[in-house]
C-alpha atoms as a PDB file:
ATOM      1  CA  UNK A   1     -48.852  30.727  33.212  1.00  0.00           C
ATOM      2  CA  UNK A   2     -52.372  32.033  32.748  1.00  0.00           C
ATOM      3  CA  UNK A   3     -52.516  33.971  29.539  1.00  0.00           C
ATOM      4  CA  UNK A   4     -56.268  34.055  28.979  1.00  0.00           C
ATOM      5  CA  UNK A   5     -58.869  35.630  31.265  1.00  0.00           C
ATOM      6  CA  UNK A   6     -62.491  34.497  31.354  1.00  0.00           C
ATOM      7  CA  UNK A   7     -65.476  36.397  32.700  1.00  0.00           C
ATOM      8  CA  UNK A   8     -69.253  36.280  32.609  1.00  0.00           C
ATOM      9  CA  UNK A   9     -70.044  33.223  34.670  1.00  0.00           C
ATOM     10  CA  UNK A  10     -72.704  33.184  37.334  1.00  0.00           C
ATOM     11  CA  UNK A  11     -75.841  31.606  38.732  1.00  0.00           C
ATOM     12  CA  UNK A  12     -78.870  31.432  36.452  1.00  0.00           C
ATOM     13  CA  UNK A  13     -82.135  29.552  36.297  1.00  0.00           C
ATOM     14  CA  UNK A  14     -82.860  26.880  33.700  1.00  0.00           C
ATOM     15  CA  UNK A  15     -83.844  28.407  30.379  1.00  0.00           C
ATOM     16  CA  UNK A  16     -81.889  31.593  30.921  1.00  0.00           C
ATOM     17  CA  UNK A  17     -78.818  32.809  29.052  1.00  0.00           C
ATOM     18  CA  UNK A  18     -75.253  33.799  29.812  1.00  0.00           C
ATOM     19  CA  UNK A  19     -72.466  35.188  27.690  1.00  0.00           C
ATOM     20  CA  UNK A  20     -68.929  34.216  28.581  1.00  0.00           C
ATOM     21  CA  UNK A  21     -66.017  36.337  27.472  1.00  0.00           C
ATOM     22  CA  UNK A  22     -62.343  35.537  27.247  1.00  0.00           C
ATOM     23  CA  UNK A  23     -59.572  37.985  26.552  1.00  0.00           C
ATOM     24  CA  UNK A  24     -55.890  37.579  25.802  1.00  0.00           C
ATOM     25  CA  UNK A  25     -54.332  40.684  27.330  1.00  0.00           C
ATOM     26  CA  UNK A  26     -50.753  39.488  26.927  1.00  0.00           C
ATOM     27  CA  UNK A  27     -51.009  38.601  23.255  1.00  0.00           C
ATOM     28  CA  UNK A  28     -50.586  40.968  20.386  1.00  0.00           C
ATOM     29  CA  UNK A  29     -53.242  40.761  17.687  1.00  0.00           C
ATOM     30  CA  UNK A  30     -50.943  39.206  15.116  1.00  0.00           C
ATOM     31  CA  UNK A  31     -50.289  36.329  17.536  1.00  0.00           C
ATOM     32  CA  UNK A  32     -53.933  35.958  18.625  1.00  0.00           C
ATOM     33  CA  UNK A  33     -55.569  35.956  15.198  1.00  0.00           C
ATOM     34  CA  UNK A  34     -54.045  32.729  13.789  1.00  0.00           C
ATOM     35  CA  UNK A  35     -55.049  30.680  16.822  1.00  0.00           C
ATOM     36  CA  UNK A  36     -57.978  28.328  16.848  1.00  0.00           C
ATOM     37  CA  UNK A  37     -59.848  29.052  20.083  1.00  0.00           C
ATOM     38  CA  UNK A  38     -61.938  26.800  22.252  1.00  0.00           C
ATOM     39  CA  UNK A  39     -64.218  26.670  25.247  1.00  0.00           C
ATOM     40  CA  UNK A  40     -64.018  23.682  27.554  1.00  0.00           C
ATOM     41  CA  UNK A  41     -65.939  22.838  30.681  1.00  0.00           C
ATOM     42  CA  UNK A  42     -65.452  20.595  33.647  1.00  0.00           C
ATOM     43  CA  UNK A  43     -68.242  19.537  35.951  1.00  0.00           C
ATOM     44  CA  UNK A  44     -67.571  18.128  39.434  1.00  0.00           C
ATOM     45  CA  UNK A  45     -66.361  14.563  39.214  1.00  0.00           C
ATOM     46  CA  UNK A  46     -66.200  14.618  35.439  1.00  0.00           C
ATOM     47  CA  UNK A  47     -63.475  14.986  32.863  1.00  0.00           C
ATOM     48  CA  UNK A  48     -62.920  18.256  31.068  1.00  0.00           C
ATOM     49  CA  UNK A  49     -64.798  18.299  27.774  1.00  0.00           C
ATOM     50  CA  UNK A  50     -64.622  20.407  24.655  1.00  0.00           C
ATOM     51  CA  UNK A  51     -67.733  22.555  24.307  1.00  0.00           C
ATOM     52  CA  UNK A  52     -67.030  24.665  21.230  1.00  0.00           C
ATOM     53  CA  UNK A  53     -64.219  25.507  18.866  1.00  0.00           C
ATOM     54  CA  UNK A  54     -63.726  28.355  16.413  1.00  0.00           C
ATOM     55  CA  UNK A  55     -60.908  28.245  13.909  1.00  0.00           C
ATOM     56  CA  UNK A  56     -58.846  31.151  12.677  1.00  0.00           C
ATOM     57  CA  UNK A  57     -61.092  31.077   9.596  1.00  0.00           C
ATOM     58  CA  UNK A  58     -64.164  31.246  11.885  1.00  0.00           C
ATOM     59  CA  UNK A  59     -65.351  27.711  11.205  1.00  0.00           C
ATOM     60  CA  UNK A  60     -67.109  26.403  14.280  1.00  0.00           C
ATOM     61  CA  UNK A  61     -67.682  23.048  15.918  1.00  0.00           C
ATOM     62  CA  UNK A  62     -69.818  22.157  18.935  1.00  0.00           C
ATOM     63  CA  UNK A  63     -70.353  19.309  21.330  1.00  0.00           C
ATOM     64  CA  UNK A  64     -73.608  17.530  20.565  1.00  0.00           C
ATOM     65  CA  UNK A  65     -74.947  18.467  23.992  1.00  0.00           C
ATOM     66  CA  UNK A  66     -74.823  22.202  23.219  1.00  0.00           C
ATOM     67  CA  UNK A  67     -75.603  22.342  19.499  1.00  0.00           C
ATOM     68  CA  UNK A  68     -78.370  24.816  18.773  1.00  0.00           C
ATOM     69  CA  UNK A  69     -78.033  26.457  22.203  1.00  0.00           C
ATOM     70  CA  UNK A  70     -74.446  27.750  22.355  1.00  0.00           C
ATOM     71  CA  UNK A  71     -72.629  30.011  19.906  1.00  0.00           C
ATOM     72  CA  UNK A  72     -68.903  30.689  19.848  1.00  0.00           C
ATOM     73  CA  UNK A  73     -67.536  33.829  18.247  1.00  0.00           C
ATOM     74  CA  UNK A  74     -64.354  35.861  18.191  1.00  0.00           C
ATOM     75  CA  UNK A  75     -63.176  39.426  17.766  1.00  0.00           C
ATOM     76  CA  UNK A  76     -59.538  39.443  16.757  1.00  0.00           C
ATOM     77  CA  UNK A  77     -59.212  43.216  16.976  1.00  0.00           C
ATOM     78  CA  UNK A  78     -60.113  43.003  20.669  1.00  0.00           C
ATOM     79  CA  UNK A  79     -58.358  39.670  21.221  1.00  0.00           C
ATOM     80  CA  UNK A  80     -61.592  38.237  22.536  1.00  0.00           C
ATOM     81  CA  UNK A  81     -63.522  35.000  22.224  1.00  0.00           C
ATOM     82  CA  UNK A  82     -67.114  34.638  23.374  1.00  0.00           C
ATOM     83  CA  UNK A  83     -69.539  31.870  24.228  1.00  0.00           C
ATOM     84  CA  UNK A  84     -73.208  32.782  24.061  1.00  0.00           C
ATOM     85  CA  UNK A  85     -75.171  30.200  26.020  1.00  0.00           C
ATOM     86  CA  UNK A  86     -78.934  30.103  25.617  1.00  0.00           C
ATOM     87  CA  UNK A  87     -81.585  27.847  27.117  1.00  0.00           C
ATOM     88  CA  UNK A  88     -79.217  26.759  29.848  1.00  0.00           C
ATOM     89  CA  UNK A  89     -79.823  23.468  31.585  1.00  0.00           C
ATOM     90  CA  UNK A  90     -78.723  22.184  34.999  1.00  0.00           C
ATOM     91  CA  UNK A  91     -76.351  19.785  33.238  1.00  0.00           C
ATOM     92  CA  UNK A  92     -74.487  22.809  31.833  1.00  0.00           C
ATOM     93  CA  UNK A  93     -73.249  23.550  35.345  1.00  0.00           C
ATOM     94  CA  UNK A  94     -69.454  23.494  35.273  1.00  0.00           C
ATOM     95  CA  UNK A  95     -66.320  25.558  35.336  1.00  0.00           C
ATOM     96  CA  UNK A  96     -65.809  26.933  31.836  1.00  0.00           C
ATOM     97  CA  UNK A  97     -62.336  27.503  30.441  1.00  0.00           C
ATOM     98  CA  UNK A  98     -61.143  29.162  27.283  1.00  0.00           C
ATOM     99  CA  UNK A  99     -58.013  27.927  25.581  1.00  0.00           C
ATOM    100  CA  UNK A 100     -56.080  28.147  22.381  1.00  0.00           C
ATOM    101  CA  UNK A 101     -56.625  25.269  20.016  1.00  0.00           C
ATOM    102  CA  UNK A 102     -53.175  23.852  20.665  1.00  0.00           C
ATOM    103  CA  UNK A 103     -53.885  23.866  24.436  1.00  0.00           C
ATOM    104  CA  UNK A 104     -50.795  25.990  24.989  1.00  0.00           C
ATOM    105  CA  UNK A 105     -52.699  28.835  26.640  1.00  0.00           C
ATOM    106  CA  UNK A 106     -55.526  28.553  29.186  1.00  0.00           C
ATOM    107  CA  UNK A 107     -57.608  30.744  31.377  1.00  0.00           C
ATOM    108  CA  UNK A 108     -58.313  30.248  35.050  1.00  0.00           C
ATOM    109  CA  UNK A 109     -61.950  29.305  34.487  1.00  0.00           C
ATOM    110  CA  UNK A 110     -65.304  30.844  35.318  1.00  0.00           C
ATOM    111  CA  UNK A 111     -68.097  29.077  37.192  1.00  0.00           C
ATOM    112  CA  UNK A 112     -71.478  28.620  35.550  1.00  0.00           C
ATOM    113  CA  UNK A 113     -74.270  27.283  37.750  1.00  0.00           C
ATOM    114  CA  UNK A 114     -77.721  26.543  36.392  1.00  0.00           C
ATOM    115  CA  UNK A 115     -80.214  25.885  39.138  1.00  0.00           C
ATOM    116  CA  UNK A 116     -83.749  26.731  40.104  1.00  0.00           C
END
């Protein structure tokens, strides 16, 4: 059952930015807030990989490939998690998914394509 909803994907040129959003419309705030939250991505023919994680205490962790370019953040009052992606590269092209840290809840994914 899809319990998270992503948005914000699209087609951009290399060097441009996108901001992905993910909301949890079926969760109440008191359930959402304690979750660690993550963004994953899956490129064609590749395994799904963890891109960024934010804990309930707002500690963050990033894949080496996106460090310094991507920023994960959360707004518990809105039950939202965000992924700001700057200086996008063609190798960032993938379907991006948000998920809870325990992998219990997932979104349906949003496509990000970086191409000139």
